[in-house]
Amino acid sequence: MPFIDVTLGTGRSPEQVRALIHELTEAAHRAVGAPVANIRVVIREVAPQHWAAGDVTTAERAAARTADGTAPPDNSQQSTGGRPPAPAQEGSGT
């Protein structure tokens, strides 16, 4: 019985979460031949103040972008594998 556990930052619509569950179920079914009824999917949503990379929370990163005049990223357009975008590293040119 495949068990798929996904952690996402909050902010997706119920329709997006439902679509993800469907696509993950179908992918597991195709990849390993498991019956759809035996595939389990759990989606965990994490608040921006509870998710950090490089000791900076997603909420802090968004606040810093807003404070410097740039807009926070639009997560509906990004493909980060379900993770909030990582902060730019000093000297990386980004």
PDB file of N, CA and C in Angstrom:
ATOM      1  N   MET A   1       0.849  -1.176   0.000  1.00  0.00           N
ATOM      2  CA  MET A   1       0.000   0.000   0.000  1.00  0.00           C
ATOM      3  C   MET A   1       0.891   1.234   0.000  1.00  0.00           C
ATOM      4  N   PRO A   2       0.979   1.980  -1.097  1.00  0.00           N
ATOM      5  CA  PRO A   2       1.769   3.212  -1.123  1.00  0.00           C
ATOM      6  C   PRO A   2       1.171   4.262  -0.191  1.00  0.00           C
ATOM      7  N   PHE A   3       2.050   4.947   0.532  1.00  0.00           N
ATOM      8  CA  PHE A   3       1.664   6.049   1.404  1.00  0.00           C
ATOM      9  C   PHE A   3       2.493   7.249   0.986  1.00  0.00           C
ATOM     10  N   ILE A   4       1.832   8.288   0.493  1.00  0.00           N
ATOM     11  CA  ILE A   4       2.506   9.480  -0.022  1.00  0.00           C
ATOM     12  C   ILE A   4       2.238  10.619   0.949  1.00  0.00           C
ATOM     13  N   ASP A   5       3.295  11.192   1.498  1.00  0.00           N
ATOM     14  CA  ASP A   5       3.207  12.253   2.501  1.00  0.00           C
ATOM     15  C   ASP A   5       3.832  13.513   1.910  1.00  0.00           C
ATOM     16  N   VAL A   6       3.035  14.576   1.756  1.00  0.00           N
ATOM     17  CA  VAL A   6       3.483  15.810   1.119  1.00  0.00           C
ATOM     18  C   VAL A   6       3.349  16.953   2.103  1.00  0.00           C
ATOM     19  N   THR A   7       4.379  17.778   2.197  1.00  0.00           N
ATOM     20  CA  THR A   7       4.327  18.982   3.013  1.00  0.00           C
ATOM     21  C   THR A   7       4.436  20.181   2.083  1.00  0.00           C
ATOM     22  N   LEU A   8       3.476  21.101   2.212  1.00  0.00           N
ATOM     23  CA  LEU A   8       3.420  22.308   1.382  1.00  0.00           C
ATOM     24  C   LEU A   8       3.275  23.531   2.270  1.00  0.00           C
ATOM     25  N   GLY A   9       3.758  24.642   1.788  1.00  0.00           N
ATOM     26  CA  GLY A   9       3.422  25.901   2.432  1.00  0.00           C
ATOM     27  C   GLY A   9       1.955  26.212   2.181  1.00  0.00           C
ATOM     28  N   THR A  10       1.328  26.899   3.106  1.00  0.00           N
ATOM     29  CA  THR A  10      -0.080  27.256   2.931  1.00  0.00           C
ATOM     30  C   THR A  10      -0.241  28.206   1.751  1.00  0.00           C
ATOM     31  N   GLY A  11      -1.473  28.319   1.284  1.00  0.00           N
ATOM     32  CA  GLY A  11      -1.753  29.296   0.235  1.00  0.00           C
ATOM     33  C   GLY A  11      -2.327  28.711  -1.034  1.00  0.00           C
ATOM     34  N   ARG A  12      -2.438  27.420  -1.116  1.00  0.00           N
ATOM     35  CA  ARG A  12      -3.060  26.826  -2.300  1.00  0.00           C
ATOM     36  C   ARG A  12      -4.544  26.686  -2.092  1.00  0.00           C
ATOM     37  N   SER A  13      -5.272  26.750  -3.170  1.00  0.00           N
ATOM     38  CA  SER A  13      -6.731  26.607  -3.097  1.00  0.00           C
ATOM     39  C   SER A  13      -7.092  25.147  -2.846  1.00  0.00           C
ATOM     40  N   PRO A  14      -8.303  24.908  -2.324  1.00  0.00           N
ATOM     41  CA  PRO A  14      -8.749  23.517  -2.164  1.00  0.00           C
ATOM     42  C   PRO A  14      -8.718  22.747  -3.480  1.00  0.00           C
ATOM     43  N   GLU A  15      -8.985  23.428  -4.582  1.00  0.00           N
ATOM     44  CA  GLU A  15      -8.965  22.770  -5.892  1.00  0.00           C
ATOM     45  C   GLU A  15      -7.543  22.347  -6.266  1.00  0.00           C
ATOM     46  N   GLN A  16      -6.554  23.175  -5.950  1.00  0.00           N
ATOM     47  CA  GLN A  16      -5.170  22.819  -6.237  1.00  0.00           C
ATOM     48  C   GLN A  16      -4.723  21.625  -5.396  1.00  0.00           C
ATOM     49  N   VAL A  17      -5.094  21.624  -4.124  1.00  0.00           N
ATOM     50  CA  VAL A  17      -4.739  20.506  -3.251  1.00  0.00           C
ATOM     51  C   VAL A  17      -5.408  19.229  -3.744  1.00  0.00           C
ATOM     52  N   ARG A  18      -6.667  19.325  -4.120  1.00  0.00           N
ATOM     53  CA  ARG A  18      -7.398  18.152  -4.629  1.00  0.00           C
ATOM     54  C   ARG A  18      -6.752  17.625  -5.903  1.00  0.00           C
ATOM     55  N   ALA A  19      -6.344  18.540  -6.794  1.00  0.00           N
ATOM     56  CA  ALA A  19      -5.683  18.138  -8.037  1.00  0.00           C
ATOM     57  C   ALA A  19      -4.357  17.431  -7.740  1.00  0.00           C
ATOM     58  N   LEU A  20      -3.629  17.921  -6.750  1.00  0.00           N
ATOM     59  CA  LEU A  20      -2.371  17.283  -6.374  1.00  0.00           C
ATOM     60  C   LEU A  20      -2.624  15.867  -5.862  1.00  0.00           C
ATOM     61  N   ILE A  21      -3.616  15.704  -5.014  1.00  0.00           N
ATOM     62  CA  ILE A  21      -3.955  14.366  -4.506  1.00  0.00           C
ATOM     63  C   ILE A  21      -4.270  13.429  -5.670  1.00  0.00           C
ATOM     64  N   HIS A  22      -5.070  13.909  -6.603  1.00  0.00           N
ATOM     65  CA  HIS A  22      -5.441  13.082  -7.756  1.00  0.00           C
ATOM     66  C   HIS A  22      -4.207  12.688  -8.573  1.00  0.00           C
ATOM     67  N   GLU A  23      -3.367  13.669  -8.886  1.00  0.00           N
ATOM     68  CA  GLU A  23      -2.195  13.394  -9.724  1.00  0.00           C
ATOM     69  C   GLU A  23      -1.208  12.462  -9.028  1.00  0.00           C
ATOM     70  N   LEU A  24      -1.009  12.628  -7.722  1.00  0.00           N
ATOM     71  CA  LEU A  24      -0.115  11.738  -6.985  1.00  0.00           C
ATOM     72  C   LEU A  24      -0.654  10.315  -6.958  1.00  0.00           C
ATOM     73  N   THR A  25      -1.966  10.195  -6.760  1.00  0.00           N
ATOM     74  CA  THR A  25      -2.590   8.869  -6.757  1.00  0.00           C
ATOM     75  C   THR A  25      -2.410   8.196  -8.106  1.00  0.00           C
ATOM     76  N   GLU A  26      -2.685   8.917  -9.168  1.00  0.00           N
ATOM     77  CA  GLU A  26      -2.533   8.359 -10.514  1.00  0.00           C
ATOM     78  C   GLU A  26      -1.085   7.984 -10.810  1.00  0.00           C
ATOM     79  N   ALA A  27      -0.135   8.832 -10.375  1.00  0.00           N
ATOM     80  CA  ALA A  27       1.279   8.547 -10.620  1.00  0.00           C
ATOM     81  C   ALA A  27       1.714   7.271  -9.894  1.00  0.00           C
ATOM     82  N   ALA A  28       1.293   7.116  -8.651  1.00  0.00           N
ATOM     83  CA  ALA A  28       1.636   5.904  -7.900  1.00  0.00           C
ATOM     84  C   ALA A  28       1.010   4.670  -8.553  1.00  0.00           C
ATOM     85  N   HIS A  29      -0.222   4.817  -8.994  1.00  0.00           N
ATOM     86  CA  HIS A  29      -0.909   3.710  -9.667  1.00  0.00           C
ATOM     87  C   HIS A  29      -0.144   3.289 -10.927  1.00  0.00           C
ATOM     88  N   ARG A  30       0.253   4.272 -11.740  1.00  0.00           N
ATOM     89  CA  ARG A  30       0.991   3.962 -12.968  1.00  0.00           C
ATOM     90  C   ARG A  30       2.375   3.397 -12.671  1.00  0.00           C
ATOM     91  N   ALA A  31       3.069   3.979 -11.707  1.00  0.00           N
ATOM     92  CA  ALA A  31       4.463   3.617 -11.460  1.00  0.00           C
ATOM     93  C   ALA A  31       4.629   2.243 -10.829  1.00  0.00           C
ATOM     94  N   VAL A  32       3.759   1.898  -9.890  1.00  0.00           N
ATOM     95  CA  VAL A  32       3.957   0.632  -9.173  1.00  0.00           C
ATOM     96  C   VAL A  32       2.787  -0.328  -9.309  1.00  0.00           C
ATOM     97  N   GLY A  33       1.763   0.084 -10.037  1.00  0.00           N
ATOM     98  CA  GLY A  33       0.638  -0.805 -10.274  1.00  0.00           C
ATOM     99  C   GLY A  33      -0.258  -1.039  -9.073  1.00  0.00           C
ATOM    100  N   ALA A  34      -0.147  -0.192  -8.063  1.00  0.00           N
ATOM    101  CA  ALA A  34      -0.993  -0.356  -6.871  1.00  0.00           C
ATOM    102  C   ALA A  34      -2.436  -0.010  -7.222  1.00  0.00           C
ATOM    103  N   PRO A  35      -3.386  -0.749  -6.676  1.00  0.00           N
ATOM    104  CA  PRO A  35      -4.786  -0.382  -6.885  1.00  0.00           C
ATOM    105  C   PRO A  35      -5.055   0.998  -6.280  1.00  0.00           C
ATOM    106  N   VAL A  36      -5.786   1.826  -6.982  1.00  0.00           N
ATOM    107  CA  VAL A  36      -6.082   3.183  -6.526  1.00  0.00           C
ATOM    108  C   VAL A  36      -6.664   3.167  -5.107  1.00  0.00           C
ATOM    109  N   ALA A  37      -7.510   2.215  -4.813  1.00  0.00           N
ATOM    110  CA  ALA A  37      -8.135   2.153  -3.487  1.00  0.00           C
ATOM    111  C   ALA A  37      -7.126   1.908  -2.369  1.00  0.00           C
ATOM    112  N   ASN A  38      -5.941   1.425  -2.701  1.00  0.00           N
ATOM    113  CA  ASN A  38      -4.923   1.139  -1.685  1.00  0.00           C
ATOM    114  C   ASN A  38      -3.897   2.247  -1.527  1.00  0.00           C
ATOM    115  N   ILE A  39      -3.997   3.314  -2.291  1.00  0.00           N
ATOM    116  CA  ILE A  39      -3.014   4.398  -2.250  1.00  0.00           C
ATOM    117  C   ILE A  39      -3.492   5.455  -1.255  1.00  0.00           C
ATOM    118  N   ARG A  40      -2.619   5.825  -0.343  1.00  0.00           N
ATOM    119  CA  ARG A  40      -2.925   6.844   0.661  1.00  0.00           C
ATOM    120  C   ARG A  40      -2.113   8.089   0.376  1.00  0.00           C
ATOM    121  N   VAL A  41      -2.744   9.262   0.477  1.00  0.00           N
ATOM    122  CA  VAL A  41      -2.064  10.545   0.283  1.00  0.00           C
ATOM    123  C   VAL A  41      -2.419  11.439   1.467  1.00  0.00           C
ATOM    124  N   VAL A  42      -1.389  12.016   2.087  1.00  0.00           N
ATOM    125  CA  VAL A  42      -1.582  12.974   3.171  1.00  0.00           C
ATOM    126  C   VAL A  42      -0.928  14.280   2.748  1.00  0.00           C
ATOM    127  N   ILE A  43      -1.669  15.365   2.849  1.00  0.00           N
ATOM    128  CA  ILE A  43      -1.150  16.696   2.551  1.00  0.00           C
ATOM    129  C   ILE A  43      -1.063  17.466   3.863  1.00  0.00           C
ATOM    130  N   ARG A  44       0.119  17.950   4.183  1.00  0.00           N
ATOM    131  CA  ARG A  44       0.319  18.768   5.385  1.00  0.00           C
ATOM    132  C   ARG A  44       0.642  20.183   4.927  1.00  0.00           C
ATOM    133  N   GLU A  45      -0.092  21.143   5.439  1.00  0.00           N
ATOM    134  CA  GLU A  45       0.168  22.535   5.096  1.00  0.00           C
ATOM    135  C   GLU A  45       0.834  23.221   6.283  1.00  0.00           C
ATOM    136  N   VAL A  46       1.890  23.968   5.982  1.00  0.00           N
ATOM    137  CA  VAL A  46       2.689  24.612   7.009  1.00  0.00           C
ATOM    138  C   VAL A  46       2.594  26.125   6.841  1.00  0.00           C
ATOM    139  N   ALA A  47       2.326  26.806   7.949  1.00  0.00           N
ATOM    140  CA  ALA A  47       2.239  28.271   7.935  1.00  0.00           C
ATOM    141  C   ALA A  47       3.609  28.875   7.623  1.00  0.00           C
ATOM    142  N   PRO A  48       3.640  30.033   6.963  1.00  0.00           N
ATOM    143  CA  PRO A  48       4.909  30.650   6.566  1.00  0.00           C
ATOM    144  C   PRO A  48       5.853  30.929   7.737  1.00  0.00           C
ATOM    145  N   GLN A  49       5.302  31.207   8.902  1.00  0.00           N
ATOM    146  CA  GLN A  49       6.160  31.473  10.063  1.00  0.00           C
ATOM    147  C   GLN A  49       6.703  30.186  10.683  1.00  0.00           C
ATOM    148  N   HIS A  50       6.277  29.029  10.175  1.00  0.00           N
ATOM    149  CA  HIS A  50       6.745  27.737  10.686  1.00  0.00           C
ATOM    150  C   HIS A  50       7.634  27.002   9.696  1.00  0.00           C
ATOM    151  N   TRP A  51       8.058  27.663   8.619  1.00  0.00           N
ATOM    152  CA  TRP A  51       8.889  27.032   7.589  1.00  0.00           C
ATOM    153  C   TRP A  51      10.090  27.940   7.344  1.00  0.00           C
ATOM    154  N   ALA A  52      11.270  27.392   7.465  1.00  0.00           N
ATOM    155  CA  ALA A  52      12.465  28.223   7.299  1.00  0.00           C
ATOM    156  C   ALA A  52      13.506  27.503   6.457  1.00  0.00           C
ATOM    157  N   ALA A  53      14.311  28.295   5.788  1.00  0.00           N
ATOM    158  CA  ALA A  53      15.489  27.809   5.071  1.00  0.00           C
ATOM    159  C   ALA A  53      16.605  28.793   5.375  1.00  0.00           C
ATOM    160  N   GLY A  54      17.748  28.288   5.767  1.00  0.00           N
ATOM    161  CA  GLY A  54      18.861  29.180   6.080  1.00  0.00           C
ATOM    162  C   GLY A  54      18.555  30.110   7.235  1.00  0.00           C
ATOM    163  N   ASP A  55      17.780  29.640   8.201  1.00  0.00           N
ATOM    164  CA  ASP A  55      17.405  30.393   9.400  1.00  0.00           C
ATOM    165  C   ASP A  55      16.549  31.624   9.091  1.00  0.00           C
ATOM    166  N   VAL A  56      15.871  31.618   7.952  1.00  0.00           N
ATOM    167  CA  VAL A  56      14.945  32.691   7.596  1.00  0.00           C
ATOM    168  C   VAL A  56      13.605  32.045   7.270  1.00  0.00           C
ATOM    169  N   THR A  57      12.544  32.458   7.978  1.00  0.00           N
ATOM    170  CA  THR A  57      11.242  31.875   7.698  1.00  0.00           C
ATOM    171  C   THR A  57      10.685  32.423   6.391  1.00  0.00           C
ATOM    172  N   THR A  58       9.759  31.692   5.838  1.00  0.00           N
ATOM    173  CA  THR A  58       9.095  32.146   4.617  1.00  0.00           C
ATOM    174  C   THR A  58       8.392  33.476   4.877  1.00  0.00           C
ATOM    175  N   ALA A  59       7.789  33.631   6.056  1.00  0.00           N
ATOM    176  CA  ALA A  59       7.116  34.889   6.405  1.00  0.00           C
ATOM    177  C   ALA A  59       8.114  36.042   6.465  1.00  0.00           C
ATOM    178  N   GLU A  60       9.276  35.812   7.062  1.00  0.00           N
ATOM    179  CA  GLU A  60      10.301  36.858   7.135  1.00  0.00           C
ATOM    180  C   GLU A  60      10.805  37.227   5.751  1.00  0.00           C
ATOM    181  N   ARG A  61      10.977  36.229   4.893  1.00  0.00           N
ATOM    182  CA  ARG A  61      11.441  36.471   3.530  1.00  0.00           C
ATOM    183  C   ARG A  61      10.432  37.321   2.763  1.00  0.00           C
ATOM    184  N   ALA A  62       9.141  36.991   2.908  1.00  0.00           N
ATOM    185  CA  ALA A  62       8.097  37.764   2.224  1.00  0.00           C
ATOM    186  C   ALA A  62       8.046  39.193   2.757  1.00  0.00           C
ATOM    187  N   ALA A  63       8.186  39.360   4.078  1.00  0.00           N
ATOM    188  CA  ALA A  63       8.161  40.699   4.671  1.00  0.00           C
ATOM    189  C   ALA A  63       9.347  41.530   4.188  1.00  0.00           C
ATOM    190  N   ALA A  64      10.509  40.911   4.062  1.00  0.00           N
ATOM    191  CA  ALA A  64      11.687  41.629   3.592  1.00  0.00           C
ATOM    192  C   ALA A  64      11.512  42.068   2.148  1.00  0.00           C
ATOM    193  N   ARG A  65      10.916  41.221   1.331  1.00  0.00           N
ATOM    194  CA  ARG A  65      10.680  41.594  -0.074  1.00  0.00           C
ATOM    195  C   ARG A  65       9.704  42.757  -0.162  1.00  0.00           C
ATOM    196  N   THR A  66       8.670  42.728   0.655  1.00  0.00           N
ATOM    197  CA  THR A  66       7.687  43.812   0.651  1.00  0.00           C
ATOM    198  C   THR A  66       8.327  45.105   1.139  1.00  0.00           C
ATOM    199  N   ALA A  67       9.165  45.023   2.174  1.00  0.00           N
ATOM    200  CA  ALA A  67       9.804  46.199   2.741  1.00  0.00           C
ATOM    201  C   ALA A  67      10.764  46.864   1.755  1.00  0.00           C
ATOM    202  N   ASP A  68      11.415  46.066   0.896  1.00  0.00           N
ATOM    203  CA  ASP A  68      12.354  46.669  -0.055  1.00  0.00           C
ATOM    204  C   ASP A  68      11.695  47.044  -1.377  1.00  0.00           C
ATOM    205  N   GLY A  69      10.358  46.946  -1.416  1.00  0.00           N
ATOM    206  CA  GLY A  69       9.629  47.404  -2.596  1.00  0.00           C
ATOM    207  C   GLY A  69       9.369  46.356  -3.649  1.00  0.00           C
ATOM    208  N   THR A  70       9.846  45.142  -3.433  1.00  0.00           N
ATOM    209  CA  THR A  70       9.568  44.079  -4.397  1.00  0.00           C
ATOM    210  C   THR A  70       8.382  43.264  -3.899  1.00  0.00           C
ATOM    211  N   ALA A  71       7.635  42.734  -4.799  1.00  0.00           N
ATOM    212  CA  ALA A  71       6.454  41.950  -4.429  1.00  0.00           C
ATOM    213  C   ALA A  71       6.865  40.559  -3.986  1.00  0.00           C
ATOM    214  N   PRO A  72       6.149  39.997  -2.996  1.00  0.00           N
ATOM    215  CA  PRO A  72       6.411  38.596  -2.641  1.00  0.00           C
ATOM    216  C   PRO A  72       6.130  37.712  -3.842  1.00  0.00           C
ATOM    217  N   PRO A  73       6.769  36.545  -3.918  1.00  0.00           N
ATOM    218  CA  PRO A  73       6.557  35.674  -5.077  1.00  0.00           C
ATOM    219  C   PRO A  73       5.129  35.168  -5.133  1.00  0.00           C
ATOM    220  N   ASP A  74       4.649  34.948  -6.344  1.00  0.00           N
ATOM    221  CA  ASP A  74       3.324  34.376  -6.573  1.00  0.00           C
ATOM    222  C   ASP A  74       3.504  32.874  -6.654  1.00  0.00           C
ATOM    223  N   ASN A  75       3.184  32.139  -5.562  1.00  0.00           N
ATOM    224  CA  ASN A  75       3.417  30.702  -5.503  1.00  0.00           C
ATOM    225  C   ASN A  75       2.646  29.926  -6.554  1.00  0.00           C
ATOM    226  N   SER A  76       1.568  30.502  -7.081  1.00  0.00           N
ATOM    227  CA  SER A  76       0.795  29.760  -8.077  1.00  0.00           C
ATOM    228  C   SER A  76       1.562  29.641  -9.390  1.00  0.00           C
ATOM    229  N   GLN A  77       2.589  30.470  -9.585  1.00  0.00           N
ATOM    230  CA  GLN A  77       3.359  30.445 -10.823  1.00  0.00           C
ATOM    231  C   GLN A  77       4.669  29.687 -10.671  1.00  0.00           C
ATOM    232  N   GLN A  78       5.068  29.382  -9.428  1.00  0.00           N
ATOM    233  CA  GLN A  78       6.369  28.780  -9.213  1.00  0.00           C
ATOM    234  C   GLN A  78       6.287  27.266  -9.154  1.00  0.00           C
ATOM    235  N   SER A  79       7.366  26.638  -9.554  1.00  0.00           N
ATOM    236  CA  SER A  79       7.496  25.199  -9.407  1.00  0.00           C
ATOM    237  C   SER A  79       8.710  24.943  -8.537  1.00  0.00           C
ATOM    238  N   THR A  80       8.492  24.761  -7.230  1.00  0.00           N
ATOM    239  CA  THR A  80       9.596  24.555  -6.305  1.00  0.00           C
ATOM    240  C   THR A  80       9.457  23.217  -5.608  1.00  0.00           C
ATOM    241  N   GLY A  81       8.711  22.299  -6.210  1.00  0.00           N
ATOM    242  CA  GLY A  81       8.576  20.994  -5.604  1.00  0.00           C
ATOM    243  C   GLY A  81       7.817  21.031  -4.293  1.00  0.00           C
ATOM    244  N   GLY A  82       6.950  22.020  -4.146  1.00  0.00           N
ATOM    245  CA  GLY A  82       6.169  22.118  -2.928  1.00  0.00           C
ATOM    246  C   GLY A  82       6.873  22.835  -1.802  1.00  0.00           C
ATOM    247  N   ARG A  83       8.071  23.330  -2.072  1.00  0.00           N
ATOM    248  CA  ARG A  83       8.814  24.037  -1.044  1.00  0.00           C
ATOM    249  C   ARG A  83       8.772  25.522  -1.326  1.00  0.00           C
ATOM    250  N   PRO A  84       8.766  26.337  -0.274  1.00  0.00           N
ATOM    251  CA  PRO A  84       8.930  27.770  -0.505  1.00  0.00           C
ATOM    252  C   PRO A  84      10.264  28.012  -1.166  1.00  0.00           C
ATOM    253  N   PRO A  85      10.406  29.085  -1.945  1.00  0.00           N
ATOM    254  CA  PRO A  85      11.676  29.337  -2.611  1.00  0.00           C
ATOM    255  C   PRO A  85      12.775  29.593  -1.584  1.00  0.00           C
ATOM    256  N   ALA A  86      13.965  29.107  -1.876  1.00  0.00           N
ATOM    257  CA  ALA A  86      15.103  29.310  -0.985  1.00  0.00           C
ATOM    258  C   ALA A  86      15.600  30.736  -1.130  1.00  0.00           C
ATOM    259  N   PRO A  87      16.130  31.297  -0.049  1.00  0.00           N
ATOM    260  CA  PRO A  87      16.674  32.667  -0.157  1.00  0.00           C
ATOM    261  C   PRO A  87      17.916  32.654  -1.029  1.00  0.00           C
ATOM    262  N   ALA A  88      18.176  33.772  -1.688  1.00  0.00           N
ATOM    263  CA  ALA A  88      19.377  33.898  -2.504  1.00  0.00           C
ATOM    264  C   ALA A  88      20.597  33.867  -1.603  1.00  0.00           C
ATOM    265  N   GLN A  89      21.646  33.198  -2.033  1.00  0.00           N
ATOM    266  CA  GLN A  89      22.884  33.126  -1.271  1.00  0.00           C
ATOM    267  C   GLN A  89      23.757  34.293  -1.661  1.00  0.00           C
ATOM    268  N   GLU A  90      24.468  34.857  -0.663  1.00  0.00           N
ATOM    269  CA  GLU A  90      25.369  35.948  -0.958  1.00  0.00           C
ATOM    270  C   GLU A  90      26.433  35.497  -1.948  1.00  0.00           C
ATOM    271  N   GLY A  91      26.715  36.323  -2.913  1.00  0.00           N
ATOM    272  CA  GLY A  91      27.734  36.019  -3.887  1.00  0.00           C
ATOM    273  C   GLY A  91      27.289  35.073  -4.978  1.00  0.00           C
ATOM    274  N   SER A  92      25.996  34.701  -4.974  1.00  0.00           N
ATOM    275  CA  SER A  92      25.537  33.742  -5.989  1.00  0.00           C
ATOM    276  C   SER A  92      25.138  34.439  -7.276  1.00  0.00           C
ATOM    277  N   GLY A  93      25.057  35.780  -7.240  1.00  0.00           N
ATOM    278  CA  GLY A  93      24.656  36.499  -8.436  1.00  0.00           C
ATOM    279  C   GLY A  93      23.172  36.545  -8.640  1.00  0.00           C
ATOM    280  N   THR A  94      22.405  36.051  -7.684  1.00  0.00           N
ATOM    281  CA  THR A  94      20.942  36.099  -7.816  1.00  0.00           C
ATOM    282  C   THR A  94      20.349  37.101  -6.875  1.00  0.00           C
TER     283      THR A  94
END
